[in-house]
Amino acid sequence: MKARKDYVRLSRTGKRFFFDGFIAQALPISGRVGMIGITVTKKLGGSVFRHRAKRRLHETIRLWNKENSTPFGYDIVLVAKSKIFDLDFTDIRKQWDEMLGKLEKSQDGNHETLRH
């Protein structure tokens, strides 16, 4: 996901999922393959810390893509939280998998906020 308008659209209309390492904003889509974007604010620290958080989330997504070949039906924005540095990489992957499971369960169309 590259365009600001996509991030803003998800921020306004997407379903939110809260985890220790990140916040996910997701919106079901149809007619195309879903996109994933990553946002890291300056609140996390300098550029070294922000890039480390991005790399951890990118790697989580890369490994998931490698293991799953099914088309993805959601646009998702991941917003890194400061606790992402305290978590093991396996914990981040578990949170990602849990978020995907909640997405599949909540396809009824309501936009409630889900907390972990």
C-alpha atoms as a PDB file:
ATOM      1  CA  MET A   1       0.000   0.000   0.000  1.00  0.00           C
ATOM      2  CA  LYS A   2       1.562   3.280  -1.055  1.00  0.00           C
ATOM      3  CA  ALA A   3      -1.089   5.997  -1.434  1.00  0.00           C
ATOM      4  CA  ARG A   4      -2.075   8.140   1.549  1.00  0.00           C
ATOM      5  CA  LYS A   5      -5.731   7.939   0.516  1.00  0.00           C
ATOM      6  CA  ASP A   6      -5.671   4.169   1.134  1.00  0.00           C
ATOM      7  CA  TYR A   7      -4.308   4.653   4.657  1.00  0.00           C
ATOM      8  CA  VAL A   8      -6.908   7.327   5.406  1.00  0.00           C
ATOM      9  CA  ARG A   9      -9.739   5.169   4.020  1.00  0.00           C
ATOM     10  CA  LEU A  10      -8.750   2.292   6.289  1.00  0.00           C
ATOM     11  CA  SER A  11      -8.335   4.586   9.266  1.00  0.00           C
ATOM     12  CA  ARG A  12     -11.885   5.899   8.854  1.00  0.00           C
ATOM     13  CA  THR A  13     -13.790   2.790   7.836  1.00  0.00           C
ATOM     14  CA  GLY A  14     -11.663  -0.204   8.785  1.00  0.00           C
ATOM     15  CA  LYS A  15     -12.165  -2.595  11.664  1.00  0.00           C
ATOM     16  CA  ARG A  16      -9.507  -2.220  14.376  1.00  0.00           C
ATOM     17  CA  PHE A  17      -7.693  -5.007  16.158  1.00  0.00           C
ATOM     18  CA  PHE A  18      -5.439  -4.210  19.119  1.00  0.00           C
ATOM     19  CA  PHE A  19      -2.437  -6.361  20.032  1.00  0.00           C
ATOM     20  CA  ASP A  20       0.682  -5.897  22.136  1.00  0.00           C
ATOM     21  CA  GLY A  21       3.003  -5.236  19.190  1.00  0.00           C
ATOM     22  CA  PHE A  22       0.729  -3.499  16.705  1.00  0.00           C
ATOM     23  CA  ILE A  23      -2.701  -2.170  15.879  1.00  0.00           C
ATOM     24  CA  ALA A  24      -4.298  -3.552  12.716  1.00  0.00           C
ATOM     25  CA  GLN A  25      -6.912  -1.709  10.676  1.00  0.00           C
ATOM     26  CA  ALA A  26      -8.624  -3.990   8.163  1.00  0.00           C
ATOM     27  CA  LEU A  27     -11.284  -3.623   5.528  1.00  0.00           C
ATOM     28  CA  PRO A  28     -12.681  -6.425   3.321  1.00  0.00           C
ATOM     29  CA  ILE A  29     -12.327  -5.834  -0.417  1.00  0.00           C
ATOM     30  CA  SER A  30     -13.512  -7.609  -3.544  1.00  0.00           C
ATOM     31  CA  GLY A  31     -12.373  -7.729  -7.127  1.00  0.00           C
ATOM     32  CA  ARG A  32      -8.654  -7.548  -6.418  1.00  0.00           C
ATOM     33  CA  VAL A  33      -5.947  -8.889  -4.147  1.00  0.00           C
ATOM     34  CA  GLY A  34      -5.654  -7.140  -0.787  1.00  0.00           C
ATOM     35  CA  MET A  35      -2.878  -4.732   0.122  1.00  0.00           C
ATOM     36  CA  ILE A  36      -0.910  -4.421   3.358  1.00  0.00           C
ATOM     37  CA  GLY A  37       0.648  -1.198   4.624  1.00  0.00           C
ATOM     38  CA  ILE A  38       2.865  -0.481   7.614  1.00  0.00           C
ATOM     39  CA  THR A  39       2.964   2.743   9.619  1.00  0.00           C
ATOM     40  CA  VAL A  40       5.459   3.643  12.315  1.00  0.00           C
ATOM     41  CA  THR A  41       5.228   7.010  14.058  1.00  0.00           C
ATOM     42  CA  LYS A  42       8.064   9.076  15.463  1.00  0.00           C
ATOM     43  CA  LYS A  43       6.755   8.300  18.945  1.00  0.00           C
ATOM     44  CA  LEU A  44       8.652   5.011  18.698  1.00  0.00           C
ATOM     45  CA  GLY A  45      11.986   6.792  18.490  1.00  0.00           C
ATOM     46  CA  GLY A  46      14.563   7.732  15.923  1.00  0.00           C
ATOM     47  CA  SER A  47      14.896   6.289  12.457  1.00  0.00           C
ATOM     48  CA  VAL A  48      16.844   3.248  13.673  1.00  0.00           C
ATOM     49  CA  PHE A  49      13.972   2.188  15.935  1.00  0.00           C
ATOM     50  CA  ARG A  50      11.309   2.965  13.352  1.00  0.00           C
ATOM     51  CA  HIS A  51      13.093   0.920  10.686  1.00  0.00           C
ATOM     52  CA  ARG A  52      13.594  -1.964  13.129  1.00  0.00           C
ATOM     53  CA  ALA A  53       9.853  -2.019  13.823  1.00  0.00           C
ATOM     54  CA  LYS A  54       9.097  -1.947  10.071  1.00  0.00           C
ATOM     55  CA  ARG A  55      11.540  -4.781   9.411  1.00  0.00           C
ATOM     56  CA  ARG A  56       9.906  -6.952  12.076  1.00  0.00           C
ATOM     57  CA  LEU A  57       6.449  -6.408  10.577  1.00  0.00           C
ATOM     58  CA  HIS A  58       7.693  -6.828   6.992  1.00  0.00           C
ATOM     59  CA  GLU A  59       9.343 -10.126   7.899  1.00  0.00           C
ATOM     60  CA  THR A  60       6.174 -11.355   9.588  1.00  0.00           C
ATOM     61  CA  ILE A  61       4.193 -10.634   6.424  1.00  0.00           C
ATOM     62  CA  ARG A  62       6.881 -12.090   4.154  1.00  0.00           C
ATOM     63  CA  LEU A  63       6.953 -15.389   6.041  1.00  0.00           C
ATOM     64  CA  TRP A  64       3.164 -15.562   6.081  1.00  0.00           C
ATOM     65  CA  ASN A  65       3.062 -14.960   2.299  1.00  0.00           C
ATOM     66  CA  LYS A  66       5.657 -17.683   1.805  1.00  0.00           C
ATOM     67  CA  GLU A  67       3.551 -20.197   3.761  1.00  0.00           C
ATOM     68  CA  ASN A  68       0.133 -19.223   2.313  1.00  0.00           C
ATOM     69  CA  SER A  69      -0.701 -19.046  -1.348  1.00  0.00           C
ATOM     70  CA  THR A  70      -4.418 -18.236  -1.023  1.00  0.00           C
ATOM     71  CA  PRO A  71      -5.598 -14.837  -2.291  1.00  0.00           C
ATOM     72  CA  PHE A  72      -5.967 -12.231   0.409  1.00  0.00           C
ATOM     73  CA  GLY A  73      -9.341 -10.436   0.571  1.00  0.00           C
ATOM     74  CA  TYR A  74      -8.507  -7.524   2.883  1.00  0.00           C
ATOM     75  CA  ASP A  75      -6.686  -4.229   2.881  1.00  0.00           C
ATOM     76  CA  ILE A  76      -4.720  -3.984   6.131  1.00  0.00           C
ATOM     77  CA  VAL A  77      -2.661  -1.269   7.769  1.00  0.00           C
ATOM     78  CA  LEU A  78      -0.380  -2.255  10.634  1.00  0.00           C
ATOM     79  CA  VAL A  79       0.550   0.479  13.102  1.00  0.00           C
ATOM     80  CA  ALA A  80       3.571  -0.486  15.185  1.00  0.00           C
ATOM     81  CA  LYS A  81       3.424   0.008  18.954  1.00  0.00           C
ATOM     82  CA  SER A  82       6.396   0.519  21.258  1.00  0.00           C
ATOM     83  CA  LYS A  83       6.025  -2.964  22.777  1.00  0.00           C
ATOM     84  CA  ILE A  84       7.027  -4.474  19.436  1.00  0.00           C
ATOM     85  CA  PHE A  85      10.651  -4.215  20.586  1.00  0.00           C
ATOM     86  CA  ASP A  86       9.948  -6.238  23.749  1.00  0.00           C
ATOM     87  CA  LEU A  87       8.278  -9.132  21.929  1.00  0.00           C
ATOM     88  CA  ASP A  88       9.949 -12.184  20.474  1.00  0.00           C
ATOM     89  CA  PHE A  89       9.500 -12.552  16.750  1.00  0.00           C
ATOM     90  CA  THR A  90       7.388 -15.676  17.322  1.00  0.00           C
ATOM     91  CA  ASP A  91       5.009 -13.606  19.491  1.00  0.00           C
ATOM     92  CA  ILE A  92       4.557 -11.079  16.680  1.00  0.00           C
ATOM     93  CA  ARG A  93       3.791 -13.915  14.260  1.00  0.00           C
ATOM     94  CA  LYS A  94       1.259 -15.387  16.699  1.00  0.00           C
ATOM     95  CA  GLN A  95      -0.466 -11.999  16.982  1.00  0.00           C
ATOM     96  CA  TRP A  96      -0.559 -11.731  13.175  1.00  0.00           C
ATOM     97  CA  ASP A  97      -2.116 -15.197  12.890  1.00  0.00           C
ATOM     98  CA  GLU A  98      -4.615 -14.363  15.633  1.00  0.00           C
ATOM     99  CA  MET A  99      -5.591 -11.176  13.813  1.00  0.00           C
ATOM    100  CA  LEU A 100      -6.168 -13.125  10.585  1.00  0.00           C
ATOM    101  CA  GLY A 101      -8.324 -15.600  12.485  1.00  0.00           C
ATOM    102  CA  LYS A 102     -10.428 -12.777  13.929  1.00  0.00           C
ATOM    103  CA  LEU A 103     -10.830 -11.307  10.451  1.00  0.00           C
ATOM    104  CA  GLU A 104     -12.210 -14.566   9.124  1.00  0.00           C
ATOM    105  CA  LYS A 105     -14.644 -14.845  12.050  1.00  0.00           C
ATOM    106  CA  SER A 106     -15.884 -11.270  11.740  1.00  0.00           C
ATOM    107  CA  GLN A 107     -16.929 -11.181   8.091  1.00  0.00           C
ATOM    108  CA  ASP A 108     -20.463 -10.222   9.113  1.00  0.00           C
ATOM    109  CA  GLY A 109     -19.832  -6.576   8.180  1.00  0.00           C
ATOM    110  CA  ASN A 110     -20.057  -4.820  11.517  1.00  0.00           C
ATOM    111  CA  HIS A 111     -17.251  -2.414  12.383  1.00  0.00           C
ATOM    112  CA  GLU A 112     -16.788  -2.948  16.085  1.00  0.00           C
ATOM    113  CA  THR A 113     -13.414  -2.571  17.729  1.00  0.00           C
ATOM    114  CA  LEU A 114     -11.800  -5.837  18.779  1.00  0.00           C
ATOM    115  CA  ARG A 115      -9.218  -5.882  21.570  1.00  0.00           C
ATOM    116  CA  HIS A 116      -6.729  -8.602  22.350  1.00  0.00           C
END
